[in-house]
Amino acid sequence: MKFLWLFFAVYCHFVNADEISPQTVVENYFESFNNMDRAALNALSGEPFIFVRAGKASVYSKYGDAVDFDGIKASGWSYSRIHKSDLIYQDDMSAMVSINFSRYSEGGLPISTADVVYLLIRVDGSWLLKGGFIDGNLTLGKD
């Protein structure tokens, strides 16, 4: 019987060891954003993606459809950096991650700092960004 419990514990460890956490998915999203990799952003997001900025909801097929990198670069943006990431909720199907981050100019000066909460859902064993909620009106380059 002890062998059965040991086998079960080891099996569960390895099954869950390959799963990428919701916070890591958000970190990968920021890396893809910094690389202006629209295909990677779309691969990390669910369909549709919902963004609520300053109380106004917008729905996009995928996150990559929401962003205009030329417009964001015109605002002075060069890259973004996460300062703080907190997993505020997680169950088997959904998770919420709170992020504090800044956008920086090419010279490394902060342009803006914001707090955003991302909703993630689990699809086929992988976490995908499904929605973002931000109090301010952070530009996505199209406005």
Protein backbone atom coordinates (compact mmCIF):
# COMPACT_ATOMS: atom_id res chain seq x y z
CA MET A 1 0.00 0.00 0.00
CA LYS A 2 2.85 2.40 0.78
CA PHE A 3 4.20 1.79 -2.73
CA LEU A 4 0.85 2.78 -4.24
CA TRP A 5 0.77 6.08 -2.31
CA LEU A 6 4.38 6.82 -3.23
CA PHE A 7 3.67 6.10 -6.90
CA PHE A 8 0.60 8.36 -6.80
CA ALA A 9 2.53 11.23 -5.16
CA VAL A 10 5.37 11.01 -7.70
CA TYR A 11 2.91 10.79 -10.61
CA CYS A 12 1.02 13.89 -9.45
CA HIS A 13 4.26 15.80 -9.05
CA PHE A 14 5.39 15.10 -12.61
CA VAL A 15 1.97 15.69 -14.15
CA ASN A 16 1.80 19.16 -12.55
CA ALA A 17 5.50 19.98 -12.99
CA ASP A 18 5.09 20.61 -16.72
CA GLU A 19 2.25 23.08 -16.27
CA ILE A 20 3.16 26.71 -16.74
CA SER A 21 1.69 28.87 -13.98
CA PRO A 22 -0.70 31.74 -14.72
CA GLN A 23 1.96 34.23 -13.55
CA THR A 24 4.51 32.74 -15.95
CA VAL A 25 2.00 33.04 -18.80
CA VAL A 26 1.62 36.76 -17.99
CA GLU A 27 5.42 37.14 -17.87
CA ASN A 28 5.65 35.42 -21.28
CA TYR A 29 2.97 37.78 -22.55
CA PHE A 30 5.05 40.80 -21.46
CA GLU A 31 8.11 39.33 -23.20
CA SER A 32 6.09 38.81 -26.39
CA PHE A 33 4.73 42.35 -26.10
CA ASN A 34 8.25 43.74 -25.76
CA ASN A 35 9.27 41.74 -28.84
CA MET A 36 6.19 43.09 -30.68
CA ASP A 37 5.39 39.46 -31.52
CA ARG A 38 1.71 39.56 -32.47
CA ALA A 39 1.61 35.82 -33.27
CA ALA A 40 2.94 34.94 -29.81
CA LEU A 41 0.44 37.32 -28.18
CA ASN A 42 -2.36 35.63 -30.08
CA ALA A 43 -1.08 32.18 -29.05
CA LEU A 44 -1.16 33.29 -25.39
CA SER A 45 -4.72 34.65 -25.52
CA GLY A 46 -8.15 33.10 -25.65
CA GLU A 47 -10.90 33.92 -28.10
CA PRO A 48 -12.31 36.48 -27.73
CA PHE A 49 -10.07 38.70 -25.59
CA ILE A 50 -11.84 41.33 -23.51
CA PHE A 51 -10.08 44.47 -22.35
CA VAL A 52 -11.73 46.86 -19.89
CA ARG A 53 -9.88 50.19 -19.77
CA ALA A 54 -11.17 53.13 -17.73
CA GLY A 55 -14.54 51.39 -17.43
CA LYS A 56 -14.98 50.85 -21.20
CA ALA A 57 -15.06 47.25 -22.44
CA SER A 58 -13.66 46.29 -25.84
CA VAL A 59 -13.77 42.82 -27.38
CA TYR A 60 -11.09 41.56 -29.78
CA SER A 61 -10.75 38.23 -31.60
CA LYS A 62 -7.34 37.76 -29.93
CA TYR A 63 -5.14 40.09 -27.90
CA GLY A 64 -2.84 40.78 -30.86
CA ASP A 65 -5.79 42.41 -32.64
CA ALA A 66 -6.09 44.97 -29.84
CA VAL A 67 -2.62 46.42 -30.15
CA ASP A 68 -1.00 48.77 -32.68
CA PHE A 69 2.73 48.74 -31.98
CA ASP A 70 3.43 51.71 -34.25
CA GLY A 71 0.94 53.76 -32.24
CA ILE A 72 2.41 52.62 -28.93
CA LYS A 73 5.94 53.42 -30.14
CA ALA A 74 4.69 56.88 -31.17
CA SER A 75 3.79 57.45 -27.51
CA GLY A 76 7.49 57.02 -26.69
CA TRP A 77 7.31 53.37 -25.62
CA SER A 78 10.32 51.12 -26.05
CA TYR A 79 9.64 48.30 -23.57
CA SER A 80 7.59 47.34 -20.52
CA ARG A 81 8.70 45.83 -17.23
CA ILE A 82 6.71 44.06 -14.52
CA HIS A 83 7.44 45.37 -11.02
CA LYS A 84 5.08 43.17 -9.06
CA SER A 85 2.99 40.11 -9.88
CA ASP A 86 0.45 38.52 -7.53
CA LEU A 87 -1.70 35.47 -8.13
CA ILE A 88 -4.98 36.63 -6.58
CA TYR A 89 -7.12 33.64 -7.53
CA GLN A 90 -6.77 30.21 -9.12
CA ASP A 91 -8.98 27.17 -9.48
CA ASP A 92 -9.01 24.35 -12.03
CA MET A 93 -10.46 26.49 -14.84
CA SER A 94 -9.62 30.13 -14.15
CA ALA A 95 -7.05 32.39 -12.55
CA MET A 96 -6.50 36.09 -11.93
CA VAL A 97 -3.10 37.76 -11.81
CA SER A 98 -2.55 41.31 -10.59
CA ILE A 99 0.38 43.14 -12.21
CA ASN A 100 2.05 46.45 -11.52
CA PHE A 101 4.20 47.48 -14.47
CA SER A 102 5.77 50.43 -16.22
CA ARG A 103 6.31 51.38 -19.82
CA TYR A 104 9.74 52.84 -20.56
CA SER A 105 11.25 55.05 -23.24
CA GLU A 106 14.26 54.04 -25.31
CA GLY A 107 16.42 55.94 -22.81
CA GLY A 108 15.05 53.86 -19.92
CA LEU A 109 12.84 56.60 -18.49
CA PRO A 110 9.39 55.56 -17.23
CA ILE A 111 6.53 56.82 -19.40
CA SER A 112 3.68 55.37 -17.36
CA THR A 113 3.02 52.98 -14.51
CA ALA A 114 -0.20 51.03 -14.19
CA ASP A 115 -1.95 48.22 -12.37
CA VAL A 116 -3.78 45.61 -14.42
CA VAL A 117 -5.60 42.43 -13.48
CA TYR A 118 -5.57 39.63 -16.04
CA LEU A 119 -8.17 36.89 -16.20
CA LEU A 120 -6.81 33.59 -17.47
CA ILE A 121 -8.70 30.45 -18.43
CA ARG A 122 -7.43 26.91 -18.81
CA VAL A 123 -7.95 25.45 -22.28
CA ASP A 124 -6.68 21.94 -23.06
CA GLY A 125 -4.39 22.06 -20.02
CA SER A 126 -2.82 25.45 -20.85
CA TRP A 127 -3.48 28.88 -19.36
CA LEU A 128 -4.61 31.58 -21.81
CA LEU A 129 -5.20 35.28 -21.19
CA LYS A 130 -8.90 35.93 -21.59
CA GLY A 131 -9.31 39.47 -20.29
CA GLY A 132 -7.52 42.48 -18.87
CA PHE A 133 -8.88 45.08 -16.46
CA ILE A 134 -7.15 48.42 -15.97
CA ASP A 135 -8.46 51.46 -14.14
CA GLY A 136 -6.70 54.00 -16.36
CA ASN A 137 -6.80 54.57 -20.10
CA LEU A 138 -3.46 53.02 -21.06
CA THR A 139 -3.03 53.29 -24.80
CA LEU A 140 -2.99 50.23 -27.03
CA GLY A 141 -1.78 52.42 -29.88
CA LYS A 142 -5.12 52.66 -31.68
CA ASP A 143 -6.53 55.52 -29.62
